[in-house]
């Protein structure tokens, strides 16, 4: 039984800002990333959007903006329980980067 809550742009923005803390990313870039996530959600016409869909969108956006912020967000979002979980995730990032 999934818990439902209204989408809050501010909550999304806060989580992105937390991931970007101490990173040198321009506010305009952050605003663009937030808009790139929010606009499609709002225009989809869907009244219920699963939080995991939103989480994946945030991860995709952060991956292109700042790798450290991406890893920070992913570590919380994916709820890494052990160092090996984190290591496997970093290994996948490296593999993806090598394939680009």
N, C-alpha and C. Protein backbone atom coordinates (compact mmCIF):
# COMPACT_ATOMS: atom_id res chain seq x y z
N UNK A 1 0.85 -1.18 0.00
CA UNK A 1 0.00 0.00 0.00
C UNK A 1 0.89 1.24 0.00
N UNK A 2 1.06 1.86 -1.15
CA UNK A 2 1.96 2.99 -1.29
C UNK A 2 1.38 4.25 -0.67
N UNK A 3 2.26 4.98 -0.02
CA UNK A 3 1.86 6.26 0.54
C UNK A 3 1.82 7.30 -0.58
N UNK A 4 0.80 8.13 -0.56
CA UNK A 4 0.65 9.15 -1.59
C UNK A 4 0.81 10.51 -0.96
N UNK A 5 1.50 11.39 -1.68
CA UNK A 5 1.63 12.76 -1.22
C UNK A 5 1.72 13.66 -2.44
N UNK A 6 1.28 14.89 -2.29
CA UNK A 6 1.30 15.80 -3.43
C UNK A 6 2.74 16.13 -3.83
N UNK A 7 2.92 16.33 -5.12
CA UNK A 7 4.23 16.72 -5.63
C UNK A 7 4.53 18.13 -5.17
N UNK A 8 5.75 18.34 -4.67
CA UNK A 8 6.17 19.67 -4.25
C UNK A 8 7.46 20.04 -4.97
N UNK A 9 7.37 21.05 -5.80
CA UNK A 9 8.55 21.54 -6.51
C UNK A 9 9.64 21.93 -5.51
N UNK A 10 9.24 22.57 -4.40
CA UNK A 10 10.22 23.00 -3.40
C UNK A 10 10.97 21.82 -2.79
N UNK A 11 10.28 20.74 -2.55
CA UNK A 11 10.92 19.54 -1.99
C UNK A 11 11.94 18.98 -2.97
N UNK A 12 11.56 18.94 -4.23
CA UNK A 12 12.48 18.50 -5.29
C UNK A 12 13.70 19.41 -5.33
N UNK A 13 13.46 20.72 -5.32
CA UNK A 13 14.56 21.69 -5.37
C UNK A 13 15.48 21.54 -4.16
N UNK A 14 14.90 21.33 -2.98
CA UNK A 14 15.73 21.15 -1.77
C UNK A 14 16.64 19.95 -1.89
N UNK A 15 16.11 18.84 -2.39
CA UNK A 15 16.93 17.63 -2.50
C UNK A 15 18.06 17.82 -3.51
N UNK A 16 17.79 18.56 -4.57
CA UNK A 16 18.83 18.85 -5.56
C UNK A 16 19.88 19.78 -4.96
N UNK A 17 19.44 20.79 -4.23
CA UNK A 17 20.38 21.73 -3.60
C UNK A 17 21.24 21.02 -2.55
N UNK A 18 20.68 20.08 -1.82
CA UNK A 18 21.46 19.32 -0.84
C UNK A 18 22.55 18.52 -1.57
N UNK A 19 22.19 17.88 -2.65
CA UNK A 19 23.17 17.09 -3.42
C UNK A 19 24.27 17.99 -3.98
N UNK A 20 23.92 19.23 -4.31
CA UNK A 20 24.87 20.16 -4.91
C UNK A 20 25.63 21.01 -3.90
N UNK A 21 25.37 20.82 -2.61
CA UNK A 21 26.03 21.63 -1.58
C UNK A 21 27.55 21.55 -1.74
N UNK A 22 28.20 22.67 -1.69
CA UNK A 22 29.65 22.88 -1.85
C UNK A 22 30.14 22.68 -3.28
N UNK A 23 29.27 22.38 -4.21
CA UNK A 23 29.67 22.23 -5.60
C UNK A 23 29.57 23.59 -6.28
N UNK A 24 30.38 23.81 -7.31
CA UNK A 24 30.36 25.09 -8.01
C UNK A 24 29.51 24.97 -9.26
N UNK A 25 28.21 25.01 -9.04
CA UNK A 25 27.24 24.95 -10.13
C UNK A 25 26.45 26.25 -10.08
N UNK A 26 26.33 26.89 -11.20
CA UNK A 26 25.64 28.18 -11.26
C UNK A 26 24.15 28.03 -10.98
N UNK A 27 23.57 28.99 -10.25
CA UNK A 27 22.13 28.93 -9.95
C UNK A 27 21.26 28.77 -11.20
N UNK A 28 21.67 29.39 -12.30
CA UNK A 28 20.88 29.26 -13.53
C UNK A 28 20.88 27.81 -14.03
N UNK A 29 22.01 27.12 -13.86
CA UNK A 29 22.08 25.71 -14.26
C UNK A 29 21.15 24.86 -13.39
N UNK A 30 21.14 25.15 -12.10
CA UNK A 30 20.28 24.42 -11.17
C UNK A 30 18.82 24.65 -11.53
N UNK A 31 18.46 25.90 -11.80
CA UNK A 31 17.08 26.22 -12.19
C UNK A 31 16.67 25.48 -13.46
N UNK A 32 17.59 25.42 -14.43
CA UNK A 32 17.30 24.69 -15.68
C UNK A 32 17.05 23.22 -15.41
N UNK A 33 17.86 22.63 -14.54
CA UNK A 33 17.71 21.21 -14.22
C UNK A 33 16.35 20.97 -13.55
N UNK A 34 16.01 21.81 -12.59
CA UNK A 34 14.73 21.66 -11.90
C UNK A 34 13.59 21.78 -12.90
N UNK A 35 13.65 22.79 -13.75
CA UNK A 35 12.60 22.97 -14.77
C UNK A 35 12.53 21.79 -15.73
N UNK A 36 13.69 21.22 -16.07
CA UNK A 36 13.71 20.09 -17.01
C UNK A 36 13.05 18.85 -16.40
N UNK A 37 12.98 18.80 -15.08
CA UNK A 37 12.31 17.69 -14.41
C UNK A 37 10.84 18.00 -14.21
N UNK A 38 10.55 19.22 -13.77
CA UNK A 38 9.18 19.58 -13.39
C UNK A 38 8.26 19.74 -14.60
N UNK A 39 8.72 20.40 -15.64
CA UNK A 39 7.84 20.66 -16.80
C UNK A 39 7.22 19.41 -17.39
N UNK A 40 8.02 18.39 -17.70
CA UNK A 40 7.40 17.18 -18.26
C UNK A 40 6.41 16.52 -17.31
N UNK A 41 6.70 16.57 -16.01
CA UNK A 41 5.79 15.99 -15.03
C UNK A 41 4.46 16.73 -15.03
N UNK A 42 4.54 18.06 -15.05
CA UNK A 42 3.32 18.86 -15.03
C UNK A 42 2.53 18.74 -16.33
N UNK A 43 3.23 18.62 -17.44
CA UNK A 43 2.53 18.57 -18.72
C UNK A 43 2.07 17.16 -19.09
N UNK A 44 2.46 16.16 -18.30
CA UNK A 44 2.09 14.78 -18.63
C UNK A 44 0.60 14.53 -18.45
N UNK A 45 -0.04 15.35 -17.61
CA UNK A 45 -1.46 15.15 -17.35
C UNK A 45 -1.74 14.05 -16.34
N UNK A 46 -0.69 13.39 -15.87
CA UNK A 46 -0.85 12.34 -14.88
C UNK A 46 -1.07 12.96 -13.51
N UNK A 47 -2.02 12.41 -12.78
CA UNK A 47 -2.24 12.92 -11.43
C UNK A 47 -1.40 12.18 -10.41
N UNK A 48 -1.01 10.95 -10.73
CA UNK A 48 -0.15 10.17 -9.85
C UNK A 48 1.12 9.78 -10.58
N UNK A 49 2.25 10.25 -10.06
CA UNK A 49 3.54 9.88 -10.64
C UNK A 49 4.34 9.23 -9.52
N UNK A 50 4.76 8.00 -9.71
CA UNK A 50 5.51 7.31 -8.66
C UNK A 50 6.80 8.05 -8.30
N UNK A 51 7.14 8.05 -7.02
CA UNK A 51 8.34 8.75 -6.57
C UNK A 51 9.60 8.17 -7.19
N UNK A 52 9.58 6.86 -7.52
CA UNK A 52 10.78 6.29 -8.13
C UNK A 52 11.02 6.86 -9.53
N UNK A 53 9.95 7.23 -10.23
CA UNK A 53 10.10 7.87 -11.55
C UNK A 53 10.76 9.24 -11.36
N UNK A 54 10.31 9.98 -10.37
CA UNK A 54 10.89 11.29 -10.10
C UNK A 54 12.36 11.14 -9.68
N UNK A 55 12.63 10.17 -8.82
CA UNK A 55 14.01 9.93 -8.39
C UNK A 55 14.93 9.61 -9.54
N UNK A 56 14.46 8.80 -10.47
CA UNK A 56 15.28 8.46 -11.64
C UNK A 56 15.53 9.69 -12.51
N UNK A 57 14.51 10.54 -12.67
CA UNK A 57 14.68 11.77 -13.44
C UNK A 57 15.72 12.68 -12.80
N UNK A 58 15.68 12.78 -11.47
CA UNK A 58 16.67 13.60 -10.75
C UNK A 58 18.07 13.02 -10.96
N UNK A 59 18.20 11.72 -10.85
CA UNK A 59 19.52 11.11 -11.03
C UNK A 59 20.05 11.35 -12.44
N UNK A 60 19.20 11.19 -13.44
CA UNK A 60 19.63 11.44 -14.83
C UNK A 60 20.10 12.89 -14.99
N UNK A 61 19.33 13.82 -14.43
CA UNK A 61 19.68 15.24 -14.56
C UNK A 61 20.99 15.55 -13.84
N UNK A 62 21.16 15.03 -12.63
CA UNK A 62 22.39 15.29 -11.88
C UNK A 62 23.60 14.63 -12.53
N UNK A 63 23.40 13.50 -13.16
CA UNK A 63 24.51 12.81 -13.82
C UNK A 63 25.12 13.68 -14.91
N UNK A 64 24.30 14.47 -15.57
CA UNK A 64 24.82 15.34 -16.63
C UNK A 64 25.34 16.66 -16.08
N UNK A 65 24.90 17.03 -14.87
CA UNK A 65 25.26 18.33 -14.30
C UNK A 65 26.53 18.24 -13.45
N UNK A 66 26.60 17.27 -12.54
CA UNK A 66 27.72 17.20 -11.60
C UNK A 66 27.80 15.78 -11.05
N UNK A 67 28.91 15.11 -11.33
CA UNK A 67 29.06 13.71 -10.92
C UNK A 67 29.05 13.53 -9.40
N UNK A 68 29.64 14.46 -8.66
CA UNK A 68 29.65 14.33 -7.20
C UNK A 68 28.22 14.45 -6.66
N UNK A 69 27.47 15.42 -7.15
CA UNK A 69 26.08 15.59 -6.72
C UNK A 69 25.26 14.35 -7.09
N UNK A 70 25.54 13.81 -8.26
CA UNK A 70 24.85 12.60 -8.70
C UNK A 70 25.08 11.45 -7.72
N UNK A 71 26.34 11.25 -7.33
CA UNK A 71 26.67 10.17 -6.41
C UNK A 71 26.05 10.43 -5.04
N UNK A 72 26.08 11.68 -4.58
CA UNK A 72 25.47 12.03 -3.30
C UNK A 72 23.98 11.69 -3.30
N UNK A 73 23.29 12.15 -4.33
CA UNK A 73 21.84 11.90 -4.41
C UNK A 73 21.58 10.40 -4.50
N UNK A 74 22.32 9.73 -5.37
CA UNK A 74 22.11 8.30 -5.57
C UNK A 74 22.35 7.52 -4.28
N UNK A 75 23.33 7.92 -3.49
CA UNK A 75 23.63 7.17 -2.27
C UNK A 75 22.47 7.24 -1.28
N UNK A 76 21.78 8.37 -1.24
CA UNK A 76 20.61 8.48 -0.38
C UNK A 76 19.41 7.81 -1.04
N UNK A 77 19.20 8.11 -2.31
CA UNK A 77 18.04 7.59 -3.03
C UNK A 77 18.06 6.07 -3.09
N UNK A 78 19.22 5.51 -3.39
CA UNK A 78 19.34 4.05 -3.51
C UNK A 78 19.53 3.38 -2.14
N UNK A 79 19.73 4.22 -1.10
CA UNK A 79 19.83 3.73 0.28
C UNK A 79 20.92 2.67 0.42
N UNK A 80 22.14 3.04 0.01
CA UNK A 80 23.25 2.10 0.13
C UNK A 80 23.42 1.70 1.58
N UNK A 81 23.43 0.42 1.83
CA UNK A 81 23.53 -0.08 3.19
C UNK A 81 24.95 -0.48 3.56
N UNK A 82 25.74 -0.82 2.56
CA UNK A 82 27.09 -1.29 2.82
C UNK A 82 28.05 -0.66 1.81
N UNK A 83 29.31 -0.65 2.17
CA UNK A 83 30.33 -0.08 1.29
C UNK A 83 30.34 -0.79 -0.06
N UNK A 84 30.07 -2.10 -0.07
CA UNK A 84 30.09 -2.82 -1.35
C UNK A 84 28.99 -2.34 -2.29
N UNK A 85 27.83 -1.93 -1.74
CA UNK A 85 26.75 -1.38 -2.57
C UNK A 85 27.25 -0.12 -3.28
N UNK A 86 27.94 0.73 -2.52
CA UNK A 86 28.47 1.97 -3.07
C UNK A 86 29.54 1.66 -4.11
N UNK A 87 30.40 0.71 -3.81
CA UNK A 87 31.46 0.32 -4.74
C UNK A 87 30.91 -0.20 -6.06
N UNK A 88 29.87 -1.01 -5.97
CA UNK A 88 29.24 -1.54 -7.20
C UNK A 88 28.65 -0.41 -8.03
N UNK A 89 28.03 0.56 -7.35
CA UNK A 89 27.43 1.71 -8.05
C UNK A 89 28.51 2.51 -8.77
N UNK A 90 29.62 2.79 -8.08
CA UNK A 90 30.72 3.55 -8.69
C UNK A 90 31.30 2.76 -9.87
N UNK A 91 31.39 1.44 -9.72
CA UNK A 91 31.87 0.61 -10.83
C UNK A 91 30.99 0.74 -12.06
N UNK A 92 29.67 0.81 -11.85
CA UNK A 92 28.74 0.98 -12.98
C UNK A 92 28.92 2.35 -13.63
N UNK A 93 29.15 3.39 -12.81
CA UNK A 93 29.38 4.73 -13.36
C UNK A 93 30.63 4.72 -14.23
N UNK A 94 31.68 4.11 -13.73
CA UNK A 94 32.94 4.04 -14.49
C UNK A 94 32.73 3.28 -15.80
N UNK A 95 32.03 2.17 -15.74
CA UNK A 95 31.77 1.37 -16.94
C UNK A 95 30.99 2.18 -17.96
N UNK A 96 29.98 2.92 -17.48
CA UNK A 96 29.19 3.76 -18.38
C UNK A 96 30.06 4.84 -19.01
N UNK A 97 30.94 5.46 -18.21
CA UNK A 97 31.83 6.51 -18.72
C UNK A 97 32.80 5.95 -19.77
N UNK A 98 33.28 4.74 -19.53
CA UNK A 98 34.21 4.11 -20.49
C UNK A 98 33.51 3.78 -21.80
N UNK A 99 32.20 3.55 -21.76
CA UNK A 99 31.46 3.21 -22.97
C UNK A 99 31.03 4.42 -23.77
N UNK A 100 31.20 5.62 -23.21
CA UNK A 100 30.80 6.85 -23.94
C UNK A 100 31.80 7.24 -24.99
